[in-house]
Amino acid sequence: MEERRVFPTARKELIVSDRWRELCRSKTWVDLLEETAQRYPEYEALVFGEQRITYKTYQEQVAAYAKGLYSIGVRQGDHVAYG
């Protein structure tokens, strides 16, 4: 059986704590993703059916999309629709 790295239950409980909420207010989603990818690169970030994506891969994909959007002129504060 393949070994999977996931956050232990205690880590999941941290997500709903007041400390976590305050941290989320002081940092952007991208900041949190980058920090998590550095700290836990091989942990699962997304699971959809049988497809599993690690934080490292997810962060790399987000960075590639951001670079592509920036290259066509999208800047902070712009609205982007995705479908």
N, C-alpha and C. Protein backbone atom coordinates (compact mmCIF):
# COMPACT_ATOMS: atom_id res chain seq x y z
N MET A 1 0.83 -1.18 0.00
CA MET A 1 0.00 0.00 0.00
C MET A 1 0.88 1.25 0.00
N GLU A 2 0.51 2.24 -0.78
CA GLU A 2 1.26 3.48 -0.89
C GLU A 2 1.16 4.31 0.38
N GLU A 3 2.29 4.85 0.84
CA GLU A 3 2.29 5.68 2.03
C GLU A 3 1.82 7.08 1.66
N ARG A 4 0.91 7.62 2.45
CA ARG A 4 0.40 8.97 2.22
C ARG A 4 0.71 9.84 3.42
N ARG A 5 1.10 11.06 3.17
CA ARG A 5 1.41 11.99 4.25
C ARG A 5 0.26 12.96 4.38
N VAL A 6 -0.41 12.92 5.48
CA VAL A 6 -1.52 13.83 5.75
C VAL A 6 -1.33 14.44 7.13
N PHE A 7 -1.97 15.58 7.35
CA PHE A 7 -1.87 16.20 8.66
C PHE A 7 -2.57 15.34 9.70
N PRO A 8 -1.98 15.21 10.88
CA PRO A 8 -2.66 14.48 11.95
C PRO A 8 -3.88 15.27 12.42
N THR A 9 -4.75 14.61 13.13
CA THR A 9 -5.99 15.23 13.61
C THR A 9 -5.72 16.52 14.37
N ALA A 10 -4.69 16.56 15.18
CA ALA A 10 -4.38 17.76 15.96
C ALA A 10 -4.15 18.96 15.03
N ARG A 11 -3.54 18.72 13.90
CA ARG A 11 -3.28 19.82 12.96
C ARG A 11 -4.61 20.32 12.36
N LYS A 12 -5.52 19.42 12.06
CA LYS A 12 -6.82 19.81 11.52
C LYS A 12 -7.58 20.68 12.51
N GLU A 13 -7.48 20.38 13.80
CA GLU A 13 -8.15 21.16 14.82
C GLU A 13 -7.58 22.57 14.91
N LEU A 14 -6.30 22.75 14.60
CA LEU A 14 -5.66 24.05 14.62
C LEU A 14 -6.32 24.99 13.62
N ILE A 15 -6.79 24.45 12.52
CA ILE A 15 -7.37 25.26 11.46
C ILE A 15 -8.57 26.07 11.97
N VAL A 16 -9.32 25.56 12.90
CA VAL A 16 -10.50 26.27 13.38
C VAL A 16 -10.23 27.06 14.66
N SER A 17 -9.01 27.09 15.13
CA SER A 17 -8.70 27.82 16.36
C SER A 17 -8.67 29.32 16.11
N ASP A 18 -8.80 30.09 17.17
CA ASP A 18 -8.73 31.55 17.07
C ASP A 18 -7.36 32.00 16.57
N ARG A 19 -6.32 31.32 17.02
CA ARG A 19 -4.96 31.67 16.58
C ARG A 19 -4.83 31.52 15.07
N TRP A 20 -5.38 30.45 14.53
CA TRP A 20 -5.33 30.22 13.08
C TRP A 20 -6.11 31.29 12.34
N ARG A 21 -7.28 31.64 12.85
CA ARG A 21 -8.09 32.68 12.22
C ARG A 21 -7.33 34.01 12.18
N GLU A 22 -6.67 34.35 13.29
CA GLU A 22 -5.90 35.58 13.34
C GLU A 22 -4.73 35.54 12.36
N LEU A 23 -4.06 34.42 12.27
CA LEU A 23 -2.96 34.26 11.32
C LEU A 23 -3.47 34.46 9.90
N CYS A 24 -4.64 33.92 9.60
CA CYS A 24 -5.21 34.06 8.25
C CYS A 24 -5.55 35.51 7.94
N ARG A 25 -5.90 36.29 8.92
CA ARG A 25 -6.20 37.71 8.70
C ARG A 25 -4.94 38.52 8.41
N SER A 26 -3.81 38.08 8.93
CA SER A 26 -2.58 38.85 8.79
C SER A 26 -1.73 38.44 7.59
N LYS A 27 -2.12 37.37 6.91
CA LYS A 27 -1.36 36.90 5.75
C LYS A 27 -2.31 36.62 4.60
N THR A 28 -1.76 36.65 3.40
CA THR A 28 -2.57 36.32 2.22
C THR A 28 -2.64 34.81 2.06
N TRP A 29 -3.58 34.38 1.25
CA TRP A 29 -3.71 32.95 0.95
C TRP A 29 -2.43 32.42 0.32
N VAL A 30 -1.83 33.23 -0.54
CA VAL A 30 -0.57 32.81 -1.20
C VAL A 30 0.54 32.66 -0.17
N ASP A 31 0.63 33.60 0.78
CA ASP A 31 1.64 33.49 1.85
C ASP A 31 1.49 32.17 2.60
N LEU A 32 0.24 31.87 2.99
CA LEU A 32 -0.02 30.64 3.74
C LEU A 32 0.31 29.40 2.92
N LEU A 33 -0.04 29.41 1.63
CA LEU A 33 0.27 28.27 0.76
C LEU A 33 1.78 28.08 0.63
N GLU A 34 2.51 29.17 0.40
CA GLU A 34 3.96 29.06 0.26
C GLU A 34 4.62 28.54 1.54
N GLU A 35 4.19 29.05 2.68
CA GLU A 35 4.75 28.58 3.96
C GLU A 35 4.44 27.11 4.19
N THR A 36 3.23 26.71 3.90
CA THR A 36 2.84 25.31 4.09
C THR A 36 3.60 24.41 3.13
N ALA A 37 3.78 24.85 1.89
CA ALA A 37 4.52 24.05 0.90
C ALA A 37 5.98 23.90 1.30
N GLN A 38 6.55 24.92 1.91
CA GLN A 38 7.94 24.82 2.37
C GLN A 38 8.06 23.88 3.56
N ARG A 39 7.08 23.96 4.45
CA ARG A 39 7.14 23.17 5.69
C ARG A 39 6.70 21.73 5.50
N TYR A 40 5.70 21.51 4.65
CA TYR A 40 5.13 20.18 4.44
C TYR A 40 4.99 19.86 2.96
N PRO A 41 6.08 19.86 2.20
CA PRO A 41 5.98 19.73 0.74
C PRO A 41 5.32 18.44 0.26
N GLU A 42 5.47 17.36 0.96
CA GLU A 42 4.93 16.08 0.50
C GLU A 42 3.57 15.74 1.10
N TYR A 43 3.02 16.60 1.93
CA TYR A 43 1.69 16.36 2.49
C TYR A 43 0.64 16.65 1.42
N GLU A 44 -0.50 16.01 1.53
CA GLU A 44 -1.58 16.20 0.57
C GLU A 44 -2.27 17.53 0.80
N ALA A 45 -2.39 18.30 -0.26
CA ALA A 45 -3.09 19.58 -0.20
C ALA A 45 -4.51 19.44 -0.72
N LEU A 46 -4.65 18.68 -1.79
CA LEU A 46 -5.96 18.49 -2.44
C LEU A 46 -6.18 17.02 -2.75
N VAL A 47 -7.42 16.59 -2.54
CA VAL A 47 -7.80 15.22 -2.90
C VAL A 47 -9.13 15.31 -3.64
N PHE A 48 -9.16 14.74 -4.83
CA PHE A 48 -10.38 14.70 -5.63
C PHE A 48 -10.48 13.31 -6.22
N GLY A 49 -11.35 12.49 -5.64
CA GLY A 49 -11.43 11.10 -6.07
C GLY A 49 -10.11 10.40 -5.82
N GLU A 50 -9.54 9.85 -6.87
CA GLU A 50 -8.25 9.17 -6.74
C GLU A 50 -7.06 10.12 -6.96
N GLN A 51 -7.33 11.33 -7.41
CA GLN A 51 -6.25 12.28 -7.67
C GLN A 51 -5.83 12.97 -6.38
N ARG A 52 -4.54 12.99 -6.12
CA ARG A 52 -3.99 13.61 -4.92
C ARG A 52 -2.85 14.53 -5.32
N ILE A 53 -2.85 15.74 -4.76
CA ILE A 53 -1.84 16.73 -5.09
C ILE A 53 -1.17 17.19 -3.80
N THR A 54 0.15 17.18 -3.79
CA THR A 54 0.90 17.62 -2.61
C THR A 54 0.94 19.15 -2.55
N TYR A 55 1.30 19.67 -1.38
CA TYR A 55 1.44 21.11 -1.24
C TYR A 55 2.50 21.66 -2.19
N LYS A 56 3.58 20.94 -2.37
CA LYS A 56 4.65 21.39 -3.27
C LYS A 56 4.11 21.53 -4.69
N THR A 57 3.43 20.51 -5.18
CA THR A 57 2.88 20.55 -6.53
C THR A 57 1.82 21.63 -6.66
N TYR A 58 0.95 21.74 -5.67
CA TYR A 58 -0.11 22.74 -5.69
C TYR A 58 0.49 24.15 -5.75
N GLN A 59 1.48 24.41 -4.92
CA GLN A 59 2.12 25.72 -4.90
C GLN A 59 2.78 26.01 -6.25
N GLU A 60 3.42 25.02 -6.84
CA GLU A 60 4.05 25.20 -8.16
C GLU A 60 3.01 25.51 -9.23
N GLN A 61 1.86 24.84 -9.18
CA GLN A 61 0.80 25.08 -10.16
C GLN A 61 0.21 26.48 -9.97
N VAL A 62 -0.02 26.88 -8.73
CA VAL A 62 -0.56 28.22 -8.46
C VAL A 62 0.42 29.28 -8.96
N ALA A 63 1.72 29.10 -8.71
CA ALA A 63 2.73 30.06 -9.16
C ALA A 63 2.75 30.14 -10.69
N ALA A 64 2.61 29.01 -11.36
CA ALA A 64 2.60 29.01 -12.83
C ALA A 64 1.38 29.76 -13.37
N TYR A 65 0.21 29.54 -12.77
CA TYR A 65 -0.99 30.28 -13.18
C TYR A 65 -0.81 31.78 -12.93
N ALA A 66 -0.27 32.14 -11.77
CA ALA A 66 -0.07 33.55 -11.44
C ALA A 66 0.89 34.21 -12.44
N LYS A 67 1.95 33.51 -12.79
CA LYS A 67 2.91 34.03 -13.75
C LYS A 67 2.24 34.25 -15.11
N GLY A 68 1.41 33.29 -15.51
CA GLY A 68 0.69 33.41 -16.78
C GLY A 68 -0.26 34.59 -16.78
N LEU A 69 -1.01 34.77 -15.68
CA LEU A 69 -1.93 35.90 -15.58
C LEU A 69 -1.18 37.22 -15.60
N TYR A 70 -0.06 37.27 -14.88
CA TYR A 70 0.75 38.49 -14.85
C TYR A 70 1.27 38.83 -16.24
N SER A 71 1.65 37.79 -16.99
CA SER A 71 2.21 38.01 -18.33
C SER A 71 1.21 38.60 -19.32
N ILE A 72 -0.09 38.45 -19.03
CA ILE A 72 -1.10 39.03 -19.92
C ILE A 72 -1.70 40.31 -19.34
N GLY A 73 -1.08 40.83 -18.29
CA GLY A 73 -1.47 42.14 -17.78
C GLY A 73 -2.35 42.16 -16.55
N VAL A 74 -2.67 41.01 -15.98
CA VAL A 74 -3.50 40.98 -14.77
C VAL A 74 -2.65 41.45 -13.59
N ARG A 75 -3.20 42.39 -12.81
CA ARG A 75 -2.48 42.93 -11.67
C ARG A 75 -3.33 42.82 -10.40
N GLN A 76 -2.70 43.05 -9.25
CA GLN A 76 -3.38 42.98 -7.97
C GLN A 76 -4.63 43.86 -8.00
N GLY A 77 -5.75 43.29 -7.55
CA GLY A 77 -7.01 44.02 -7.52
C GLY A 77 -7.88 43.76 -8.74
N ASP A 78 -7.31 43.23 -9.81
CA ASP A 78 -8.10 42.90 -11.00
C ASP A 78 -8.99 41.70 -10.70
N HIS A 79 -10.13 41.64 -11.38
CA HIS A 79 -11.04 40.52 -11.25
C HIS A 79 -10.82 39.57 -12.42
N VAL A 80 -10.77 38.29 -12.13
CA VAL A 80 -10.56 37.26 -13.16
C VAL A 80 -11.64 36.21 -13.03
N ALA A 81 -12.29 35.89 -14.13
CA ALA A 81 -13.31 34.83 -14.14
C ALA A 81 -12.67 33.55 -14.66
N TYR A 82 -13.04 32.45 -14.06
CA TYR A 82 -12.52 31.15 -14.48
C TYR A 82 -13.70 30.21 -14.65
N GLY A 83 -13.70 29.50 -15.73
CA GLY A 83 -14.84 28.61 -15.96
C GLY A 83 -14.46 27.33 -16.62
